[in-house]
N, C-alpha and C. Protein backbone atom coordinates (compact mmCIF):
# COMPACT_ATOMS: atom_id res chain seq x y z
N MET A 1 80.77 -12.10 -70.28
CA MET A 1 80.20 -11.49 -69.74
C MET A 1 79.47 -12.40 -68.54
N THR A 2 79.21 -11.67 -67.15
CA THR A 2 79.30 -12.51 -65.96
C THR A 2 78.05 -11.69 -65.68
N THR A 3 77.27 -13.13 -64.85
CA THR A 3 75.51 -13.06 -64.85
C THR A 3 76.10 -13.10 -63.18
N THR A 4 74.78 -11.33 -62.32
CA THR A 4 75.03 -11.59 -60.53
C THR A 4 73.77 -11.40 -60.35
N TYR A 5 73.56 -11.70 -59.55
CA TYR A 5 71.88 -11.79 -59.08
C TYR A 5 71.61 -10.83 -57.78
N THR A 6 70.76 -10.07 -57.92
CA THR A 6 70.64 -9.29 -56.58
C THR A 6 69.61 -9.81 -55.78
N ALA A 7 69.08 -9.18 -54.71
CA ALA A 7 68.57 -9.46 -53.47
C ALA A 7 67.07 -10.08 -53.86
N LEU A 8 66.56 -9.19 -55.33
CA LEU A 8 64.87 -9.55 -55.49
C LEU A 8 65.25 -10.56 -56.89
N GLY A 9 66.16 -11.14 -57.20
CA GLY A 9 66.20 -12.65 -57.82
C GLY A 9 66.42 -11.76 -59.32
N ARG A 10 66.67 -10.81 -59.63
CA ARG A 10 66.80 -10.07 -60.97
C ARG A 10 68.06 -10.59 -61.13
N GLN A 11 67.99 -11.04 -62.77
CA GLN A 11 69.82 -10.88 -63.16
C GLN A 11 70.12 -10.00 -63.80
N ARG A 12 71.63 -9.95 -64.02
CA ARG A 12 72.06 -8.40 -64.47
C ARG A 12 73.55 -8.47 -64.91
N ARG A 13 73.52 -8.27 -66.01
CA ARG A 13 74.61 -8.82 -66.91
C ARG A 13 75.72 -7.69 -66.62
N ILE A 14 77.18 -7.95 -66.41
CA ILE A 14 78.09 -7.01 -66.04
C ILE A 14 79.19 -6.93 -67.11
N PHE A 15 79.68 -6.55 -67.88
CA PHE A 15 80.48 -6.47 -68.81
C PHE A 15 81.90 -6.47 -68.05
N VAL A 16 82.76 -7.15 -68.05
CA VAL A 16 84.03 -7.67 -67.80
C VAL A 16 85.41 -7.99 -68.89
N PRO A 17 85.90 -6.55 -68.99
CA PRO A 17 86.40 -6.84 -70.53
C PRO A 17 87.42 -7.64 -70.16
N GLN A 18 88.44 -8.18 -71.43
CA GLN A 18 89.53 -9.14 -71.12
C GLN A 18 90.88 -8.21 -71.14
N PRO A 19 92.00 -8.86 -70.24
CA PRO A 19 92.79 -8.00 -70.12
C PRO A 19 93.72 -7.93 -71.27
N ALA A 20 94.17 -6.40 -71.69
CA ALA A 20 94.91 -6.41 -72.45
C ALA A 20 96.31 -7.22 -72.88
N SER A 21 95.83 -7.38 -74.41
CA SER A 21 97.48 -8.12 -74.86
C SER A 21 98.58 -7.26 -75.11
N PRO A 22 99.66 -7.69 -74.97
CA PRO A 22 101.10 -6.96 -74.91
C PRO A 22 100.90 -6.59 -76.49
N ALA A 23 101.69 -5.24 -76.52
CA ALA A 23 101.74 -4.87 -78.02
C ALA A 23 102.36 -5.51 -78.87
N PRO A 24 101.91 -5.60 -80.25
CA PRO A 24 102.66 -6.39 -81.18
C PRO A 24 104.10 -6.21 -81.78
N PRO A 25 104.94 -7.43 -81.59
CA PRO A 25 106.54 -6.78 -82.19
C PRO A 25 106.54 -5.86 -83.19
N PRO A 26 107.73 -5.13 -82.76
CA PRO A 26 107.59 -4.21 -84.16
C PRO A 26 108.06 -4.74 -85.29
N ALA A 27 107.77 -4.28 -86.42
CA ALA A 27 108.01 -4.55 -87.65
C ALA A 27 109.60 -4.98 -88.45
N PRO A 28 109.66 -5.94 -88.72
CA PRO A 28 111.21 -5.72 -88.95
C PRO A 28 111.34 -4.84 -89.82
N GLN A 29 112.49 -4.20 -89.87
CA GLN A 29 112.89 -3.37 -90.91
C GLN A 29 113.57 -3.98 -92.47
N ASP A 30 113.48 -3.13 -93.11
CA ASP A 30 113.93 -3.75 -94.72
C ASP A 30 115.02 -4.46 -94.34
N PRO A 31 116.07 -5.33 -95.45
CA PRO A 31 117.37 -5.37 -95.48
C PRO A 31 117.79 -4.45 -96.36
N PRO A 32 119.37 -4.06 -96.03
CA PRO A 32 119.82 -3.18 -96.50
C PRO A 32 119.89 -2.94 -98.11
N ILE A 33 119.83 -4.04 -98.69
CA ILE A 33 119.48 -3.93 -100.18
C ILE A 33 118.29 -3.16 -100.56
N TYR A 34 117.03 -3.29 -100.04
CA TYR A 34 116.19 -2.62 -100.06
C TYR A 34 116.15 -1.56 -99.89
N ARG A 35 116.48 -1.34 -98.99
CA ARG A 35 116.96 0.54 -98.46
C ARG A 35 117.67 1.32 -99.56
N ASP A 36 118.66 0.50 -100.01
CA ASP A 36 119.74 1.56 -100.93
C ASP A 36 118.90 1.41 -102.05
N LEU A 37 117.99 0.60 -102.83
CA LEU A 37 117.07 0.45 -103.61
C LEU A 37 116.44 1.70 -103.79
N LEU A 38 115.39 1.81 -102.72
CA LEU A 38 114.38 3.25 -102.48
C LEU A 38 114.83 4.23 -102.29
N ARG A 39 116.33 4.20 -101.97
CA ARG A 39 117.16 5.85 -101.76
C ARG A 39 117.71 6.17 -103.44
N ALA A 40 117.80 5.04 -103.86
CA ALA A 40 118.36 4.99 -105.35
C ALA A 40 117.06 5.67 -106.03
N TRP A 41 115.71 5.00 -105.99
CA TRP A 41 114.51 5.27 -106.84
C TRP A 41 114.08 7.10 -106.37
N ALA A 42 114.14 7.46 -105.04
CA ALA A 42 114.06 8.68 -104.68
C ALA A 42 114.81 9.64 -105.08
N ASP A 43 116.20 8.94 -105.83
CA ASP A 43 116.76 10.48 -105.97
C ASP A 43 116.96 10.26 -107.68
N ARG A 44 116.01 9.18 -108.00
CA ARG A 44 115.77 9.36 -109.18
C ARG A 44 114.66 10.28 -109.51
N GLY A 45 113.89 10.25 -108.70
CA GLY A 45 112.63 10.90 -108.53
C GLY A 45 111.57 10.03 -108.93
N ARG A 46 111.83 8.84 -108.56
CA ARG A 46 110.46 7.87 -108.69
C ARG A 46 109.89 7.53 -107.95
N THR A 47 108.70 6.90 -108.35
CA THR A 47 107.46 6.60 -106.93
C THR A 47 108.44 5.80 -106.03
N LEU A 48 107.83 5.33 -105.10
CA LEU A 48 108.43 4.72 -104.01
C LEU A 48 107.38 3.79 -103.52
N PRO A 49 107.30 2.52 -103.20
CA PRO A 49 106.01 1.56 -103.02
C PRO A 49 105.43 2.27 -101.36
N GLY A 50 104.17 2.50 -101.59
CA GLY A 50 103.92 2.75 -99.92
C GLY A 50 104.00 4.08 -99.20
N ARG A 51 104.30 4.90 -100.69
CA ARG A 51 104.66 6.09 -99.90
C ARG A 51 103.66 7.34 -101.03
N HIS A 52 103.27 8.45 -100.45
CA HIS A 52 102.25 9.31 -101.29
C HIS A 52 103.07 9.64 -102.81
N ASP A 53 101.85 9.63 -103.66
CA ASP A 53 102.14 10.08 -104.97
C ASP A 53 101.58 11.15 -105.34
N PRO A 54 101.97 12.36 -105.58
CA PRO A 54 100.97 13.54 -105.97
C PRO A 54 101.01 12.77 -107.26
N GLU A 55 101.69 12.96 -108.16
CA GLU A 55 101.24 13.01 -109.55
C GLU A 55 99.87 11.65 -109.79
N TRP A 56 100.27 10.63 -109.07
CA TRP A 56 99.07 9.68 -109.49
C TRP A 56 98.09 10.03 -108.95
N VAL A 57 98.34 11.09 -107.82
CA VAL A 57 96.56 11.32 -107.21
C VAL A 57 95.99 12.05 -107.84
N ARG A 58 96.51 13.38 -108.69
CA ARG A 58 96.17 14.08 -109.79
C ARG A 58 95.80 13.31 -110.89
N LEU A 59 96.57 12.21 -111.38
CA LEU A 59 96.05 11.80 -112.88
C LEU A 59 94.83 10.51 -112.78
N ALA A 60 94.47 10.18 -111.13
CA ALA A 60 93.55 8.97 -110.76
C ALA A 60 92.43 9.73 -110.52
N ALA A 61 92.15 11.12 -110.14
CA ALA A 61 91.38 12.11 -109.87
C ALA A 61 90.26 11.79 -111.03
N PRO A 62 88.74 11.96 -110.57
CA PRO A 62 88.01 12.08 -111.77
C PRO A 62 87.88 13.80 -112.15
N THR A 63 87.81 13.50 -113.63
CA THR A 63 87.87 14.82 -114.26
C THR A 63 86.43 15.65 -114.00
N VAL A 64 85.72 16.68 -113.46
CA VAL A 64 84.67 17.55 -113.42
C VAL A 64 84.64 18.60 -114.12
N THR A 65 83.63 18.59 -115.31
CA THR A 65 84.08 20.02 -116.04
C THR A 65 82.65 20.33 -115.78
N ARG A 66 82.94 22.12 -115.88
CA ARG A 66 82.01 23.08 -115.01
C ARG A 66 80.52 22.74 -115.80
N GLY A 67 79.64 22.28 -115.42
CA GLY A 67 78.08 22.46 -115.85
C GLY A 67 77.50 20.93 -115.95
N GLN A 68 78.66 19.70 -115.70
CA GLN A 68 78.68 18.52 -116.06
C GLN A 68 77.69 18.23 -115.17
N PHE A 69 77.39 18.37 -113.98
CA PHE A 69 76.48 18.06 -112.86
C PHE A 69 75.50 19.09 -112.76
N SER A 70 74.32 19.73 -113.75
CA SER A 70 74.17 20.38 -113.54
C SER A 70 72.95 20.60 -112.27
N GLY A 71 72.27 19.60 -112.09
CA GLY A 71 71.08 19.64 -111.50
C GLY A 71 69.55 19.66 -112.12
N PHE A 72 69.88 20.00 -113.73
CA PHE A 72 68.68 19.76 -114.44
C PHE A 72 68.12 18.00 -114.76
N PRO A 73 66.38 18.14 -115.25
CA PRO A 73 66.13 16.82 -115.17
C PRO A 73 66.82 16.32 -116.67
N ALA A 74 65.89 15.17 -116.77
CA ALA A 74 66.42 14.58 -118.19
C ALA A 74 65.68 15.60 -118.93
N PRO A 75 66.43 15.31 -120.47
CA PRO A 75 65.40 15.96 -121.34
C PRO A 75 63.96 15.36 -121.50
N GLN A 76 62.69 15.85 -122.30
CA GLN A 76 61.97 15.63 -122.17
C GLN A 76 61.43 14.22 -123.16
N HIS A 77 62.51 14.42 -124.61
CA HIS A 77 62.07 13.16 -125.26
C HIS A 77 63.38 12.27 -125.23
N ASP A 78 63.49 11.35 -125.75
CA ASP A 78 64.38 10.38 -125.32
C ASP A 78 65.57 10.20 -126.57
N GLY A 79 65.52 11.20 -127.68
CA GLY A 79 66.33 11.28 -128.93
C GLY A 79 65.49 10.30 -129.74
N ARG A 80 64.08 9.98 -129.47
CA ARG A 80 63.98 9.50 -131.35
C ARG A 80 62.96 10.56 -131.87
């Protein structure tokens, strides 16, 4: 930040943004052997690293049964 002074002597801070940095270089592509491996896995219906897997989402989702979270208060007795 830069400090400036007005005619009355009060300080005022002005935000001066930094110049934009150049865009990062593009990520290197996978070597051909990895591309071939991913293609072979995809052809066999396997899960691919870094890709959306609907089956995993389904299996990892919490199972909530009807009435599990009913909002009723705790029972009056504690089981004794």
